[in-house]
Amino acid sequence: MSRHHRIDIEVGEPMHPTGADPTAETAELKARMEAMLERCILASPPDERPEGAWWLPQQYGGSAPTTEEAAAQYAEERRRRAEARAAKRRR
């Protein structure tokens, strides 16, 4: 990392999952993390959130893929790699 760049870190309240409802606990964790990320993004000065930034979520003017888009991109990458491995084995 280069110097003179802002880094925001937020530590959330502890969670104490019981395992009784992993789906609900995972959803709660995700909601908490999304809220912390949003606070960090909004706390940064606008000039540090450049339009189209690859790391910035789209709702804040960036170009980071949504969770669904990232999953589709990952699936496509896995498919291409599997094809490449199969082609290599055929040779």
PDB file of N, CA and C in Angstrom:
ATOM      1  N   MET A   1       0.839  -1.180   0.000  1.00  0.00           N
ATOM      2  CA  MET A   1       0.000   0.000   0.000  1.00  0.00           C
ATOM      3  C   MET A   1       0.883   1.242   0.000  1.00  0.00           C
ATOM      4  N   SER A   2       0.442   2.209  -0.714  1.00  0.00           N
ATOM      5  CA  SER A   2       1.200   3.455  -0.716  1.00  0.00           C
ATOM      6  C   SER A   2       0.770   4.304   0.477  1.00  0.00           C
ATOM      7  N   ARG A   3       1.550   5.301   0.746  1.00  0.00           N
ATOM      8  CA  ARG A   3       1.275   6.157   1.893  1.00  0.00           C
ATOM      9  C   ARG A   3       0.204   7.190   1.579  1.00  0.00           C
ATOM     10  N   HIS A   4      -0.308   7.774   2.615  1.00  0.00           N
ATOM     11  CA  HIS A   4      -1.244   8.889   2.537  1.00  0.00           C
ATOM     12  C   HIS A   4      -2.580   8.496   1.918  1.00  0.00           C
ATOM     13  N   HIS A   5      -3.009   7.253   2.156  1.00  0.00           N
ATOM     14  CA  HIS A   5      -4.328   6.823   1.739  1.00  0.00           C
ATOM     15  C   HIS A   5      -5.109   6.451   2.980  1.00  0.00           C
ATOM     16  N   ARG A   6      -6.333   6.836   2.985  1.00  0.00           N
ATOM     17  CA  ARG A   6      -7.208   6.575   4.110  1.00  0.00           C
ATOM     18  C   ARG A   6      -7.572   5.094   4.157  1.00  0.00           C
ATOM     19  N   ILE A   7      -7.564   4.531   5.349  1.00  0.00           N
ATOM     20  CA  ILE A   7      -8.024   3.170   5.585  1.00  0.00           C
ATOM     21  C   ILE A   7      -8.997   3.231   6.747  1.00  0.00           C
ATOM     22  N   ASP A   8     -10.217   2.806   6.512  1.00  0.00           N
ATOM     23  CA  ASP A   8     -11.226   2.781   7.568  1.00  0.00           C
ATOM     24  C   ASP A   8     -11.410   1.353   8.050  1.00  0.00           C
ATOM     25  N   ILE A   9     -11.475   1.205   9.357  1.00  0.00           N
ATOM     26  CA  ILE A   9     -11.710  -0.096   9.959  1.00  0.00           C
ATOM     27  C   ILE A   9     -12.807   0.085  11.002  1.00  0.00           C
ATOM     28  N   GLU A  10     -13.801  -0.761  10.927  1.00  0.00           N
ATOM     29  CA  GLU A  10     -14.844  -0.744  11.948  1.00  0.00           C
ATOM     30  C   GLU A  10     -14.941  -2.143  12.534  1.00  0.00           C
ATOM     31  N   VAL A  11     -14.950  -2.221  13.831  1.00  0.00           N
ATOM     32  CA  VAL A  11     -15.107  -3.495  14.517  1.00  0.00           C
ATOM     33  C   VAL A  11     -16.513  -3.515  15.085  1.00  0.00           C
ATOM     34  N   GLY A  12     -17.271  -4.509  14.694  1.00  0.00           N
ATOM     35  CA  GLY A  12     -18.665  -4.594  15.118  1.00  0.00           C
ATOM     36  C   GLY A  12     -18.831  -5.206  16.492  1.00  0.00           C
ATOM     37  N   GLU A  13     -20.054  -5.121  16.944  1.00  0.00           N
ATOM     38  CA  GLU A  13     -20.400  -5.765  18.208  1.00  0.00           C
ATOM     39  C   GLU A  13     -20.250  -7.270  18.053  1.00  0.00           C
ATOM     40  N   PRO A  14     -19.801  -7.953  19.092  1.00  0.00           N
ATOM     41  CA  PRO A  14     -19.629  -9.399  18.977  1.00  0.00           C
ATOM     42  C   PRO A  14     -20.966 -10.102  18.751  1.00  0.00           C
ATOM     43  N   MET A  15     -20.905 -11.148  17.970  1.00  0.00           N
ATOM     44  CA  MET A  15     -22.062 -12.029  17.801  1.00  0.00           C
ATOM     45  C   MET A  15     -21.775 -13.304  18.573  1.00  0.00           C
ATOM     46  N   HIS A  16     -22.812 -13.910  19.040  1.00  0.00           N
ATOM     47  CA  HIS A  16     -22.668 -15.164  19.777  1.00  0.00           C
ATOM     48  C   HIS A  16     -23.588 -16.204  19.148  1.00  0.00           C
ATOM     49  N   PRO A  17     -23.177 -16.722  17.983  1.00  0.00           N
ATOM     50  CA  PRO A  17     -24.039 -17.699  17.318  1.00  0.00           C
ATOM     51  C   PRO A  17     -24.184 -18.971  18.146  1.00  0.00           C
ATOM     52  N   THR A  18     -25.388 -19.503  18.111  1.00  0.00           N
ATOM     53  CA  THR A  18     -25.665 -20.730  18.866  1.00  0.00           C
ATOM     54  C   THR A  18     -25.683 -21.952  17.966  1.00  0.00           C
ATOM     55  N   GLY A  19     -25.870 -21.715  16.669  1.00  0.00           N
ATOM     56  CA  GLY A  19     -25.990 -22.835  15.750  1.00  0.00           C
ATOM     57  C   GLY A  19     -27.404 -23.352  15.646  1.00  0.00           C
ATOM     58  N   ALA A  20     -28.303 -22.776  16.426  1.00  0.00           N
ATOM     59  CA  ALA A  20     -29.701 -23.217  16.400  1.00  0.00           C
ATOM     60  C   ALA A  20     -30.349 -22.923  15.045  1.00  0.00           C
ATOM     61  N   ASP A  21     -29.988 -21.791  14.438  1.00  0.00           N
ATOM     62  CA  ASP A  21     -30.532 -21.418  13.125  1.00  0.00           C
ATOM     63  C   ASP A  21     -29.408 -20.792  12.303  1.00  0.00           C
ATOM     64  N   PRO A  22     -28.563 -21.620  11.706  1.00  0.00           N
ATOM     65  CA  PRO A  22     -27.412 -21.098  10.957  1.00  0.00           C
ATOM     66  C   PRO A  22     -27.800 -20.146   9.834  1.00  0.00           C
ATOM     67  N   THR A  23     -28.926 -20.387   9.183  1.00  0.00           N
ATOM     68  CA  THR A  23     -29.355 -19.517   8.090  1.00  0.00           C
ATOM     69  C   THR A  23     -29.651 -18.117   8.610  1.00  0.00           C
ATOM     70  N   ALA A  24     -30.379 -18.019   9.701  1.00  0.00           N
ATOM     71  CA  ALA A  24     -30.707 -16.716  10.279  1.00  0.00           C
ATOM     72  C   ALA A  24     -29.462 -16.031  10.820  1.00  0.00           C
ATOM     73  N   GLU A  25     -28.585 -16.802  11.454  1.00  0.00           N
ATOM     74  CA  GLU A  25     -27.364 -16.208  11.997  1.00  0.00           C
ATOM     75  C   GLU A  25     -26.453 -15.704  10.884  1.00  0.00           C
ATOM     76  N   THR A  26     -26.388 -16.436   9.800  1.00  0.00           N
ATOM     77  CA  THR A  26     -25.589 -15.993   8.653  1.00  0.00           C
ATOM     78  C   THR A  26     -26.186 -14.727   8.055  1.00  0.00           C
ATOM     79  N   ALA A  27     -27.510 -14.666   7.942  1.00  0.00           N
ATOM     80  CA  ALA A  27     -28.177 -13.471   7.415  1.00  0.00           C
ATOM     81  C   ALA A  27     -27.919 -12.274   8.318  1.00  0.00           C
ATOM     82  N   GLU A  28     -27.941 -12.492   9.636  1.00  0.00           N
ATOM     83  CA  GLU A  28     -27.657 -11.395  10.567  1.00  0.00           C
ATOM     84  C   GLU A  28     -26.218 -10.908  10.417  1.00  0.00           C
ATOM     85  N   LEU A  29     -25.281 -11.838  10.301  1.00  0.00           N
ATOM     86  CA  LEU A  29     -23.881 -11.467  10.116  1.00  0.00           C
ATOM     87  C   LEU A  29     -23.710 -10.660   8.831  1.00  0.00           C
ATOM     88  N   LYS A  30     -24.327 -11.118   7.750  1.00  0.00           N
ATOM     89  CA  LYS A  30     -24.229 -10.410   6.476  1.00  0.00           C
ATOM     90  C   LYS A  30     -24.799  -8.996   6.601  1.00  0.00           C
ATOM     91  N   ALA A  31     -25.949  -8.862   7.240  1.00  0.00           N
ATOM     92  CA  ALA A  31     -26.568  -7.538   7.406  1.00  0.00           C
ATOM     93  C   ALA A  31     -25.661  -6.615   8.222  1.00  0.00           C
ATOM     94  N   ARG A  32     -25.073  -7.150   9.279  1.00  0.00           N
ATOM     95  CA  ARG A  32     -24.167  -6.333  10.097  1.00  0.00           C
ATOM     96  C   ARG A  32     -22.948  -5.878   9.300  1.00  0.00           C
ATOM     97  N   MET A  33     -22.380  -6.798   8.535  1.00  0.00           N
ATOM     98  CA  MET A  33     -21.187  -6.466   7.754  1.00  0.00           C
ATOM     99  C   MET A  33     -21.513  -5.450   6.656  1.00  0.00           C
ATOM    100  N   GLU A  34     -22.674  -5.600   6.010  1.00  0.00           N
ATOM    101  CA  GLU A  34     -23.071  -4.640   4.986  1.00  0.00           C
ATOM    102  C   GLU A  34     -23.255  -3.245   5.585  1.00  0.00           C
ATOM    103  N   ALA A  35     -23.841  -3.170   6.787  1.00  0.00           N
ATOM    104  CA  ALA A  35     -24.038  -1.876   7.445  1.00  0.00           C
ATOM    105  C   ALA A  35     -22.691  -1.239   7.789  1.00  0.00           C
ATOM    106  N   MET A  36     -21.740  -2.043   8.274  1.00  0.00           N
ATOM    107  CA  MET A  36     -20.424  -1.501   8.601  1.00  0.00           C
ATOM    108  C   MET A  36     -19.708  -1.016   7.343  1.00  0.00           C
ATOM    109  N   LEU A  37     -19.810  -1.784   6.260  1.00  0.00           N
ATOM    110  CA  LEU A  37     -19.187  -1.366   5.005  1.00  0.00           C
ATOM    111  C   LEU A  37     -19.789  -0.056   4.507  1.00  0.00           C
ATOM    112  N   GLU A  38     -21.103   0.042   4.579  1.00  0.00           N
ATOM    113  CA  GLU A  38     -21.754   1.276   4.128  1.00  0.00           C
ATOM    114  C   GLU A  38     -21.289   2.477   4.955  1.00  0.00           C
ATOM    115  N   ARG A  39     -21.188   2.312   6.256  1.00  0.00           N
ATOM    116  CA  ARG A  39     -20.713   3.420   7.098  1.00  0.00           C
ATOM    117  C   ARG A  39     -19.294   3.828   6.720  1.00  0.00           C
ATOM    118  N   CYS A  40     -18.437   2.849   6.460  1.00  0.00           N
ATOM    119  CA  CYS A  40     -17.051   3.165   6.066  1.00  0.00           C
ATOM    120  C   CYS A  40     -17.014   3.888   4.720  1.00  0.00           C
ATOM    121  N   ILE A  41     -17.818   3.425   3.772  1.00  0.00           N
ATOM    122  CA  ILE A  41     -17.840   4.078   2.456  1.00  0.00           C
ATOM    123  C   ILE A  41     -18.324   5.514   2.587  1.00  0.00           C
ATOM    124  N   LEU A  42     -19.412   5.705   3.313  1.00  0.00           N
ATOM    125  CA  LEU A  42     -19.981   7.048   3.435  1.00  0.00           C
ATOM    126  C   LEU A  42     -19.120   7.979   4.279  1.00  0.00           C
ATOM    127  N   ALA A  43     -18.262   7.416   5.124  1.00  0.00           N
ATOM    128  CA  ALA A  43     -17.371   8.249   5.944  1.00  0.00           C
ATOM    129  C   ALA A  43     -16.195   8.777   5.134  1.00  0.00           C
ATOM    130  N   SER A  44     -15.898   8.122   4.012  1.00  0.00           N
ATOM    131  CA  SER A  44     -14.760   8.571   3.214  1.00  0.00           C
ATOM    132  C   SER A  44     -15.143   9.783   2.374  1.00  0.00           C
ATOM    133  N   PRO A  45     -14.199  10.693   2.166  1.00  0.00           N
ATOM    134  CA  PRO A  45     -14.479  11.885   1.366  1.00  0.00           C
ATOM    135  C   PRO A  45     -14.846  11.496  -0.071  1.00  0.00           C
ATOM    136  N   PRO A  46     -15.757  12.236  -0.687  1.00  0.00           N
ATOM    137  CA  PRO A  46     -16.174  11.902  -2.059  1.00  0.00           C
ATOM    138  C   PRO A  46     -15.022  11.792  -3.054  1.00  0.00           C
ATOM    139  N   ASP A  47     -13.967  12.588  -2.875  1.00  0.00           N
ATOM    140  CA  ASP A  47     -12.856  12.510  -3.832  1.00  0.00           C
ATOM    141  C   ASP A  47     -12.058  11.212  -3.693  1.00  0.00           C
ATOM    142  N   GLU A  48     -12.292  10.462  -2.619  1.00  0.00           N
ATOM    143  CA  GLU A  48     -11.658   9.158  -2.452  1.00  0.00           C
ATOM    144  C   GLU A  48     -12.575   8.029  -2.914  1.00  0.00           C
ATOM    145  N   ARG A  49     -13.701   8.397  -3.510  1.00  0.00           N
ATOM    146  CA  ARG A  49     -14.636   7.427  -4.081  1.00  0.00           C
ATOM    147  C   ARG A  49     -14.804   7.754  -5.565  1.00  0.00           C
ATOM    148  N   PRO A  50     -13.766   7.533  -6.363  1.00  0.00           N
ATOM    149  CA  PRO A  50     -13.835   7.936  -7.765  1.00  0.00           C
ATOM    150  C   PRO A  50     -14.911   7.186  -8.544  1.00  0.00           C
ATOM    151  N   GLU A  51     -15.552   7.905  -9.437  1.00  0.00           N
ATOM    152  CA  GLU A  51     -16.590   7.326 -10.292  1.00  0.00           C
ATOM    153  C   GLU A  51     -16.012   6.135 -11.056  1.00  0.00           C
ATOM    154  N   GLY A  52     -16.715   5.016 -11.003  1.00  0.00           N
ATOM    155  CA  GLY A  52     -16.301   3.830 -11.735  1.00  0.00           C
ATOM    156  C   GLY A  52     -15.225   2.996 -11.071  1.00  0.00           C
ATOM    157  N   ALA A  53     -14.841   3.330  -9.839  1.00  0.00           N
ATOM    158  CA  ALA A  53     -13.789   2.574  -9.154  1.00  0.00           C
ATOM    159  C   ALA A  53     -14.177   1.095  -9.066  1.00  0.00           C
ATOM    160  N   TRP A  54     -13.215   0.216  -9.378  1.00  0.00           N
ATOM    161  CA  TRP A  54     -13.490  -1.221  -9.431  1.00  0.00           C
ATOM    162  C   TRP A  54     -13.865  -1.797  -8.075  1.00  0.00           C
ATOM    163  N   TRP A  55     -13.440  -1.168  -7.014  1.00  0.00           N
ATOM    164  CA  TRP A  55     -13.652  -1.698  -5.668  1.00  0.00           C
ATOM    165  C   TRP A  55     -14.893  -1.130  -4.999  1.00  0.00           C
ATOM    166  N   LEU A  56     -15.506  -0.144  -5.625  1.00  0.00           N
ATOM    167  CA  LEU A  56     -16.644   0.554  -5.015  1.00  0.00           C
ATOM    168  C   LEU A  56     -17.956  -0.033  -5.517  1.00  0.00           C
ATOM    169  N   PRO A  57     -18.886  -0.371  -4.609  1.00  0.00           N
ATOM    170  CA  PRO A  57     -20.179  -0.906  -5.054  1.00  0.00           C
ATOM    171  C   PRO A  57     -20.887   0.055  -6.014  1.00  0.00           C
ATOM    172  N   GLN A  58     -21.671  -0.527  -6.912  1.00  0.00           N
ATOM    173  CA  GLN A  58     -22.349   0.262  -7.937  1.00  0.00           C
ATOM    174  C   GLN A  58     -23.266   1.334  -7.360  1.00  0.00           C
ATOM    175  N   GLN A  59     -23.918   1.045  -6.237  1.00  0.00           N
ATOM    176  CA  GLN A  59     -24.840   2.031  -5.668  1.00  0.00           C
ATOM    177  C   GLN A  59     -24.128   3.290  -5.162  1.00  0.00           C
ATOM    178  N   TYR A  60     -22.787   3.231  -5.105  1.00  0.00           N
ATOM    179  CA  TYR A  60     -22.005   4.404  -4.696  1.00  0.00           C
ATOM    180  C   TYR A  60     -21.192   4.963  -5.860  1.00  0.00           C
ATOM    181  N   GLY A  61     -21.533   4.541  -7.081  1.00  0.00           N
ATOM    182  CA  GLY A  61     -20.869   5.084  -8.257  1.00  0.00           C
ATOM    183  C   GLY A  61     -19.699   4.270  -8.769  1.00  0.00           C
ATOM    184  N   GLY A  62     -19.428   3.147  -8.134  1.00  0.00           N
ATOM    185  CA  GLY A  62     -18.323   2.306  -8.563  1.00  0.00           C
ATOM    186  C   GLY A  62     -18.760   1.286  -9.599  1.00  0.00           C
ATOM    187  N   SER A  63     -17.846   0.384  -9.915  1.00  0.00           N
ATOM    188  CA  SER A  63     -18.158  -0.631 -10.912  1.00  0.00           C
ATOM    189  C   SER A  63     -17.986  -2.054 -10.375  1.00  0.00           C
ATOM    190  N   ALA A  64     -17.897  -2.194  -9.058  1.00  0.00           N
ATOM    191  CA  ALA A  64     -17.764  -3.535  -8.484  1.00  0.00           C
ATOM    192  C   ALA A  64     -19.007  -4.351  -8.828  1.00  0.00           C
ATOM    193  N   PRO A  65     -18.823  -5.619  -9.154  1.00  0.00           N
ATOM    194  CA  PRO A  65     -19.986  -6.435  -9.488  1.00  0.00           C
ATOM    195  C   PRO A  65     -20.844  -6.701  -8.264  1.00  0.00           C
ATOM    196  N   THR A  66     -22.125  -6.925  -8.509  1.00  0.00           N
ATOM    197  CA  THR A  66     -23.013  -7.339  -7.426  1.00  0.00           C
ATOM    198  C   THR A  66     -22.637  -8.765  -7.035  1.00  0.00           C
ATOM    199  N   THR A  67     -23.183  -9.246  -5.950  1.00  0.00           N
ATOM    200  CA  THR A  67     -22.913 -10.611  -5.518  1.00  0.00           C
ATOM    201  C   THR A  67     -23.307 -11.600  -6.613  1.00  0.00           C
ATOM    202  N   GLU A  68     -24.446 -11.353  -7.241  1.00  0.00           N
ATOM    203  CA  GLU A  68     -24.932 -12.246  -8.293  1.00  0.00           C
ATOM    204  C   GLU A  68     -24.017 -12.192  -9.514  1.00  0.00           C
ATOM    205  N   GLU A  69     -23.589 -10.987  -9.897  1.00  0.00           N
ATOM    206  CA  GLU A  69     -22.683 -10.852 -11.042  1.00  0.00           C
ATOM    207  C   GLU A  69     -21.344 -11.527 -10.760  1.00  0.00           C
ATOM    208  N   ALA A  70     -20.837 -11.349  -9.547  1.00  0.00           N
ATOM    209  CA  ALA A  70     -19.564 -11.975  -9.176  1.00  0.00           C
ATOM    210  C   ALA A  70     -19.693 -13.492  -9.213  1.00  0.00           C
ATOM    211  N   ALA A  71     -20.812 -14.028  -8.729  1.00  0.00           N
ATOM    212  CA  ALA A  71     -21.023 -15.480  -8.757  1.00  0.00           C
ATOM    213  C   ALA A  71     -21.068 -15.985 -10.196  1.00  0.00           C
ATOM    214  N   ALA A  72     -21.738 -15.253 -11.085  1.00  0.00           N
ATOM    215  CA  ALA A  72     -21.805 -15.651 -12.491  1.00  0.00           C
ATOM    216  C   ALA A  72     -20.424 -15.595 -13.141  1.00  0.00           C
ATOM    217  N   GLN A  73     -19.646 -14.563 -12.829  1.00  0.00           N
ATOM    218  CA  GLN A  73     -18.292 -14.439 -13.371  1.00  0.00           C
ATOM    219  C   GLN A  73     -17.413 -15.592 -12.884  1.00  0.00           C
ATOM    220  N   TYR A  74     -17.555 -15.939 -11.616  1.00  0.00           N
ATOM    221  CA  TYR A  74     -16.769 -17.025 -11.051  1.00  0.00           C
ATOM    222  C   TYR A  74     -17.152 -18.354 -11.705  1.00  0.00           C
ATOM    223  N   ALA A  75     -18.454 -18.577 -11.891  1.00  0.00           N
ATOM    224  CA  ALA A  75     -18.910 -19.805 -12.539  1.00  0.00           C
ATOM    225  C   ALA A  75     -18.367 -19.902 -13.960  1.00  0.00           C
ATOM    226  N   GLU A  76     -18.380 -18.784 -14.684  1.00  0.00           N
ATOM    227  CA  GLU A  76     -17.852 -18.766 -16.049  1.00  0.00           C
ATOM    228  C   GLU A  76     -16.345 -19.057 -16.048  1.00  0.00           C
ATOM    229  N   GLU A  77     -15.633 -18.494 -15.108  1.00  0.00           N
ATOM    230  CA  GLU A  77     -14.191 -18.754 -15.015  1.00  0.00           C
ATOM    231  C   GLU A  77     -13.933 -20.230 -14.723  1.00  0.00           C
ATOM    232  N   ARG A  78     -14.685 -20.812 -13.807  1.00  0.00           N
ATOM    233  CA  ARG A  78     -14.526 -22.249 -13.512  1.00  0.00           C
ATOM    234  C   ARG A  78     -14.816 -23.096 -14.745  1.00  0.00           C
ATOM    235  N   ARG A  79     -15.860 -22.725 -15.516  1.00  0.00           N
ATOM    236  CA  ARG A  79     -16.202 -23.459 -16.723  1.00  0.00           C
ATOM    237  C   ARG A  79     -15.050 -23.407 -17.735  1.00  0.00           C
ATOM    238  N   ARG A  80     -14.488 -22.203 -17.940  1.00  0.00           N
ATOM    239  CA  ARG A  80     -13.380 -22.048 -18.889  1.00  0.00           C
ATOM    240  C   ARG A  80     -12.156 -22.862 -18.448  1.00  0.00           C
ATOM    241  N   ARG A  81     -11.876 -22.848 -17.161  1.00  0.00           N
ATOM    242  CA  ARG A  81     -10.724 -23.613 -16.662  1.00  0.00           C
ATOM    243  C   ARG A  81     -10.936 -25.115 -16.841  1.00  0.00           C
ATOM    244  N   ALA A  82     -12.159 -25.569 -16.595  1.00  0.00           N
ATOM    245  CA  ALA A  82     -12.463 -26.995 -16.776  1.00  0.00           C
ATOM    246  C   ALA A  82     -12.301 -27.385 -18.244  1.00  0.00           C
ATOM    247  N   GLU A  83     -12.757 -26.529 -19.141  1.00  0.00           N
ATOM    248  CA  GLU A  83     -12.581 -26.792 -20.576  1.00  0.00           C
ATOM    249  C   GLU A  83     -11.101 -26.848 -20.939  1.00  0.00           C
ATOM    250  N   ALA A  84     -10.313 -25.929 -20.396  1.00  0.00           N
ATOM    251  CA  ALA A  84      -8.877 -25.909 -20.691  1.00  0.00           C
ATOM    252  C   ALA A  84      -8.195 -27.172 -20.169  1.00  0.00           C
ATOM    253  N   ARG A  85      -8.581 -27.621 -18.971  1.00  0.00           N
ATOM    254  CA  ARG A  85      -8.000 -28.855 -18.423  1.00  0.00           C
ATOM    255  C   ARG A  85      -8.383 -30.055 -19.288  1.00  0.00           C
ATOM    256  N   ALA A  86      -9.636 -30.104 -19.711  1.00  0.00           N
ATOM    257  CA  ALA A  86     -10.094 -31.217 -20.547  1.00  0.00           C
ATOM    258  C   ALA A  86      -9.347 -31.224 -21.877  1.00  0.00           C
ATOM    259  N   ALA A  87      -9.159 -30.061 -22.472  1.00  0.00           N
ATOM    260  CA  ALA A  87      -8.428 -29.968 -23.740  1.00  0.00           C
ATOM    261  C   ALA A  87      -6.975 -30.404 -23.555  1.00  0.00           C
ATOM    262  N   LYS A  88      -6.384 -30.044 -22.429  1.00  0.00           N
ATOM    263  CA  LYS A  88      -4.996 -30.418 -22.164  1.00  0.00           C
ATOM    264  C   LYS A  88      -4.877 -31.934 -21.997  1.00  0.00           C
ATOM    265  N   ARG A  89      -5.854 -32.555 -21.351  1.00  0.00           N
ATOM    266  CA  ARG A  89      -5.833 -34.016 -21.170  1.00  0.00           C
ATOM    267  C   ARG A  89      -6.001 -34.749 -22.507  1.00  0.00           C
ATOM    268  N   ARG A  90      -6.783 -34.154 -23.411  1.00  0.00           N
ATOM    269  CA  ARG A  90      -6.995 -34.785 -24.719  1.00  0.00           C
ATOM    270  C   ARG A  90      -5.735 -34.777 -25.569  1.00  0.00           C
ATOM    271  N   ARG A  91      -4.841 -33.827 -25.333  1.00  0.00           N
ATOM    272  CA  ARG A  91      -3.592 -33.744 -26.125  1.00  0.00           C
ATOM    273  C   ARG A  91      -2.613 -34.779 -25.757  1.00  0.00           C
TER     274      ARG A  91
END
